[in-house]
């Protein structure tokens, strides 16, 4: 599903972010990536999604080289295959919650009947006609999660998806993300600082300056 080949990324000669990152994410696999703040976890997700470009190395999704796509084709691939949960939500303020969540379905010419199902799954049943300004930060995060999952994407990228949620709500959301990934035969990457969140994945990787390492090899966990 996803292959990273020797990814390097830096923002200056003095500030290398990612160095020689290689990994193969199998279909159906759900992994958590942990690591110190500033080590490049969010940068890695942006590179996978084609929202940023590596200095060197290659990213393949379903055997398609992301960097070889023009802007239009990359957008179409993200629209169809990706579900991206951003830390900053990116909810459109002029649309209702129902319209926000339905957007990936409309853009992919799919029926919108799953919209209310996903709003219910994230605990916002009956709130479809509300606008984002009427919601708390935690509720906005749940809308973003519903929108990312509604079109059954084949690759889910979740960047601290429960950072604004209380523990009980966070647990339910994490189970929803895992359930949707497994039910739809998708793959997923969860970036998190939370060991509790990471434990919901199939296994945990640690992003370090030496690359992606299995958690068992890192004495910090």
Protein backbone atom coordinates (compact mmCIF):
# COMPACT_ATOMS: atom_id res chain seq x y z
CA UNK A 1 0.00 0.00 0.00
CA UNK A 2 2.69 2.50 1.08
CA UNK A 3 6.43 2.38 0.57
CA UNK A 4 9.00 4.91 1.73
CA UNK A 5 12.40 4.64 0.08
CA UNK A 6 15.32 6.47 1.69
CA UNK A 7 13.45 9.67 2.50
CA UNK A 8 15.55 12.71 3.43
CA UNK A 9 14.12 16.09 4.39
CA UNK A 10 15.70 19.21 5.84
CA UNK A 11 14.69 22.85 6.08
CA UNK A 12 18.27 24.10 6.19
CA UNK A 13 21.76 22.63 6.25
CA UNK A 14 21.76 23.03 10.00
CA UNK A 15 18.28 21.56 10.50
CA UNK A 16 17.91 18.08 9.01
CA UNK A 17 14.49 16.70 9.88
CA UNK A 18 14.31 13.21 8.37
CA UNK A 19 17.25 11.08 7.34
CA UNK A 20 17.10 7.86 5.32
CA UNK A 21 13.55 6.86 6.27
CA UNK A 22 12.46 3.60 4.65
CA UNK A 23 9.36 1.58 5.45
CA UNK A 24 6.78 -0.67 3.78
CA UNK A 25 3.21 -0.45 5.11
CA UNK A 26 1.24 -3.50 4.10
CA UNK A 27 -2.47 -3.45 3.19
CA UNK A 28 -4.49 -3.84 6.38
CA UNK A 29 -1.61 -2.75 8.60
CA UNK A 30 -2.16 -0.05 11.23
CA UNK A 31 0.92 1.41 12.91
CA UNK A 32 1.55 4.12 15.47
CA UNK A 33 4.55 6.41 15.18
CA UNK A 34 5.92 8.02 18.32
CA UNK A 35 9.00 10.16 18.98
CA UNK A 36 10.22 13.36 20.55
CA UNK A 37 8.67 16.70 19.63
CA UNK A 38 10.32 18.18 16.55
CA UNK A 39 11.66 14.86 15.30
CA UNK A 40 9.58 15.14 12.11
CA UNK A 41 6.47 13.03 12.66
CA UNK A 42 4.05 15.56 11.12
CA UNK A 43 6.55 16.29 8.34
CA UNK A 44 6.62 12.59 7.50
CA UNK A 45 2.82 12.49 7.18
CA UNK A 46 2.89 15.53 4.90
CA UNK A 47 5.48 13.86 2.69
CA UNK A 48 3.41 10.68 2.48
CA UNK A 49 0.34 12.68 1.47
CA UNK A 50 2.26 14.65 -1.14
CA UNK A 51 1.62 17.92 0.69
CA UNK A 52 5.40 18.42 0.88
CA UNK A 53 8.29 16.98 -1.12
CA UNK A 54 11.35 15.13 0.17
CA UNK A 55 14.79 16.45 -0.66
CA UNK A 56 15.60 12.94 -1.85
CA UNK A 57 13.98 9.53 -1.73
CA UNK A 58 10.65 8.29 -3.00
CA UNK A 59 7.11 7.78 -1.69
CA UNK A 60 4.91 5.18 -3.38
CA UNK A 61 1.18 4.68 -2.74
CA UNK A 62 -0.34 1.68 -4.53
CA UNK A 63 2.81 1.58 -6.66
CA UNK A 64 2.29 5.19 -7.72
CA UNK A 65 5.23 7.50 -7.16
CA UNK A 66 3.79 10.57 -5.45
CA UNK A 67 6.52 12.97 -6.59
CA UNK A 68 5.97 11.98 -10.23
CA UNK A 69 2.37 13.24 -10.17
CA UNK A 70 1.37 16.71 -11.26
CA UNK A 71 -0.69 18.81 -8.86
CA UNK A 72 -4.02 17.75 -10.33
CA UNK A 73 -3.26 14.03 -10.27
CA UNK A 74 -1.85 14.25 -6.74
CA UNK A 75 -5.01 16.02 -5.60
CA UNK A 76 -7.20 13.35 -7.21
CA UNK A 77 -5.18 10.58 -5.54
CA UNK A 78 -5.47 12.22 -2.11
CA UNK A 79 -9.18 12.83 -2.63
CA UNK A 80 -9.90 9.19 -3.44
CA UNK A 81 -7.39 7.17 -1.46
CA UNK A 82 -6.45 9.26 1.60
CA UNK A 83 -8.15 10.15 4.83
CA UNK A 84 -6.04 12.79 6.58
CA UNK A 85 -6.80 13.89 10.15
CA UNK A 86 -4.95 17.17 10.71
CA UNK A 87 -4.09 18.63 14.10
CA UNK A 88 -5.62 21.93 12.96
CA UNK A 89 -8.90 20.30 11.79
CA UNK A 90 -9.38 22.43 8.58
CA UNK A 91 -13.15 22.48 9.01
CA UNK A 92 -14.83 24.87 6.55
CA UNK A 93 -16.62 27.51 8.66
CA UNK A 94 -19.30 28.41 6.10
CA UNK A 95 -20.54 24.81 5.77
CA UNK A 96 -22.72 22.87 8.21
CA UNK A 97 -21.30 19.82 9.95
CA UNK A 98 -23.21 17.57 7.54
CA UNK A 99 -21.79 19.44 4.55
CA UNK A 100 -18.26 19.31 5.94
CA UNK A 101 -18.39 15.56 6.52
CA UNK A 102 -20.12 14.87 3.20
CA UNK A 103 -17.51 16.77 1.19
CA UNK A 104 -15.23 13.79 0.40
CA UNK A 105 -18.26 11.81 -0.76
CA UNK A 106 -19.44 14.60 -3.05
CA UNK A 107 -15.96 15.14 -4.48
CA UNK A 108 -15.73 11.41 -5.26
CA UNK A 109 -19.27 11.21 -6.70
CA UNK A 110 -20.39 8.87 -3.92
CA UNK A 111 -23.75 8.74 -2.09
CA UNK A 112 -23.84 10.87 1.03
CA UNK A 113 -25.79 8.37 3.14
CA UNK A 114 -22.76 7.57 5.35
CA UNK A 115 -22.54 11.17 6.53
CA UNK A 116 -25.07 10.84 9.34
CA UNK A 117 -23.66 7.44 10.25
CA UNK A 118 -20.20 8.91 10.84
CA UNK A 119 -21.56 11.92 12.73
CA UNK A 120 -23.33 9.47 15.03
CA UNK A 121 -20.17 7.37 15.40
CA UNK A 122 -18.21 10.40 16.64
CA UNK A 123 -20.94 11.38 19.09
CA UNK A 124 -22.54 14.22 17.09
CA UNK A 125 -25.86 12.67 16.21
CA UNK A 126 -28.47 15.29 15.35
CA UNK A 127 -25.88 18.06 14.99
CA UNK A 128 -25.62 17.95 11.20
CA UNK A 129 -27.27 21.34 10.68
CA UNK A 130 -25.00 23.11 13.18
CA UNK A 131 -22.13 25.29 12.01
CA UNK A 132 -18.51 24.98 13.18
CA UNK A 133 -18.78 28.20 15.22
CA UNK A 134 -21.25 26.39 17.51
CA UNK A 135 -18.76 23.66 18.42
CA UNK A 136 -15.96 23.26 20.94
CA UNK A 137 -12.44 22.33 19.89
CA UNK A 138 -13.02 18.70 20.80
CA UNK A 139 -16.22 18.58 18.77
CA UNK A 140 -14.46 20.11 15.77
CA UNK A 141 -11.81 17.44 16.04
CA UNK A 142 -14.50 14.77 15.92
CA UNK A 143 -16.00 16.36 12.79
CA UNK A 144 -12.57 16.22 11.16
CA UNK A 145 -12.27 12.53 12.04
CA UNK A 146 -15.72 11.76 10.62
CA UNK A 147 -14.81 13.60 7.40
CA UNK A 148 -11.52 11.69 7.08
CA UNK A 149 -13.23 8.29 7.38
CA UNK A 150 -16.54 8.82 5.61
CA UNK A 151 -15.42 7.84 2.07
CA UNK A 152 -13.68 4.64 3.23
CA UNK A 153 -10.15 5.72 2.30
CA UNK A 154 -7.47 3.11 1.68
CA UNK A 155 -4.83 5.05 3.63
CA UNK A 156 -5.66 6.86 6.87
CA UNK A 157 -3.11 9.36 8.20
CA UNK A 158 -3.95 10.60 11.69
CA UNK A 159 -1.87 13.36 13.30
CA UNK A 160 -2.63 13.45 17.06
CA UNK A 161 -6.32 12.77 16.38
CA UNK A 162 -7.39 12.79 20.05
CA UNK A 163 -5.36 15.71 21.37
CA UNK A 164 -8.45 17.77 22.25
CA UNK A 165 -10.58 14.94 23.62
CA UNK A 166 -11.21 13.68 27.12
CA UNK A 167 -9.95 10.13 27.84
CA UNK A 168 -13.30 8.35 27.46
CA UNK A 169 -14.16 10.08 24.19
CA UNK A 170 -10.60 9.59 22.94
CA UNK A 171 -10.81 5.85 23.56
CA UNK A 172 -14.03 5.56 21.57
CA UNK A 173 -12.59 7.60 18.70
CA UNK A 174 -9.43 5.51 18.59
CA UNK A 175 -11.50 2.35 18.43
CA UNK A 176 -13.56 3.87 15.60
CA UNK A 177 -10.43 4.70 13.59
CA UNK A 178 -9.07 1.19 14.06
CA UNK A 179 -12.43 -0.40 13.25
CA UNK A 180 -12.86 1.58 10.03
CA UNK A 181 -9.33 0.78 8.88
CA UNK A 182 -9.79 -2.93 9.47
CA UNK A 183 -13.35 -3.13 8.12
CA UNK A 184 -12.43 -1.38 4.89
CA UNK A 185 -9.20 -3.27 4.29
CA UNK A 186 -7.28 -0.01 4.55
CA UNK A 187 -3.91 0.85 6.06
CA UNK A 188 -3.26 3.50 8.67
CA UNK A 189 -0.59 5.56 10.39
CA UNK A 190 -1.28 7.16 13.75
CA UNK A 191 1.14 9.86 14.93
CA UNK A 192 0.82 10.35 18.67
CA UNK A 193 2.59 11.22 21.91
CA UNK A 194 0.15 9.02 23.83
CA UNK A 195 1.15 5.48 24.71
CA UNK A 196 -2.52 4.70 25.33
CA UNK A 197 -3.39 5.81 21.79
CA UNK A 198 -0.41 3.98 20.32
CA UNK A 199 -1.53 0.76 21.99
CA UNK A 200 -4.60 0.65 19.72
CA UNK A 201 -2.38 0.14 16.66
CA UNK A 202 -1.03 -3.22 15.48
CA UNK A 203 2.46 -2.15 16.46
CA UNK A 204 4.48 0.92 17.39
CA UNK A 205 7.42 2.56 15.64
CA UNK A 206 9.72 5.22 17.04
CA UNK A 207 10.88 7.99 14.71
CA UNK A 208 14.47 8.93 15.55
CA UNK A 209 17.35 10.62 13.78
CA UNK A 210 18.43 7.11 12.81
CA UNK A 211 15.11 6.29 11.12
CA UNK A 212 11.99 4.37 12.06
CA UNK A 213 12.70 1.78 14.73
CA UNK A 214 10.44 -0.82 16.33
CA UNK A 215 9.39 0.34 19.79
CA UNK A 216 10.93 -2.77 21.38
CA UNK A 217 14.39 -1.57 20.34
CA UNK A 218 13.96 1.79 22.03
CA UNK A 219 14.69 1.72 25.74
CA UNK A 220 12.72 4.92 26.22
CA UNK A 221 9.43 2.99 26.05
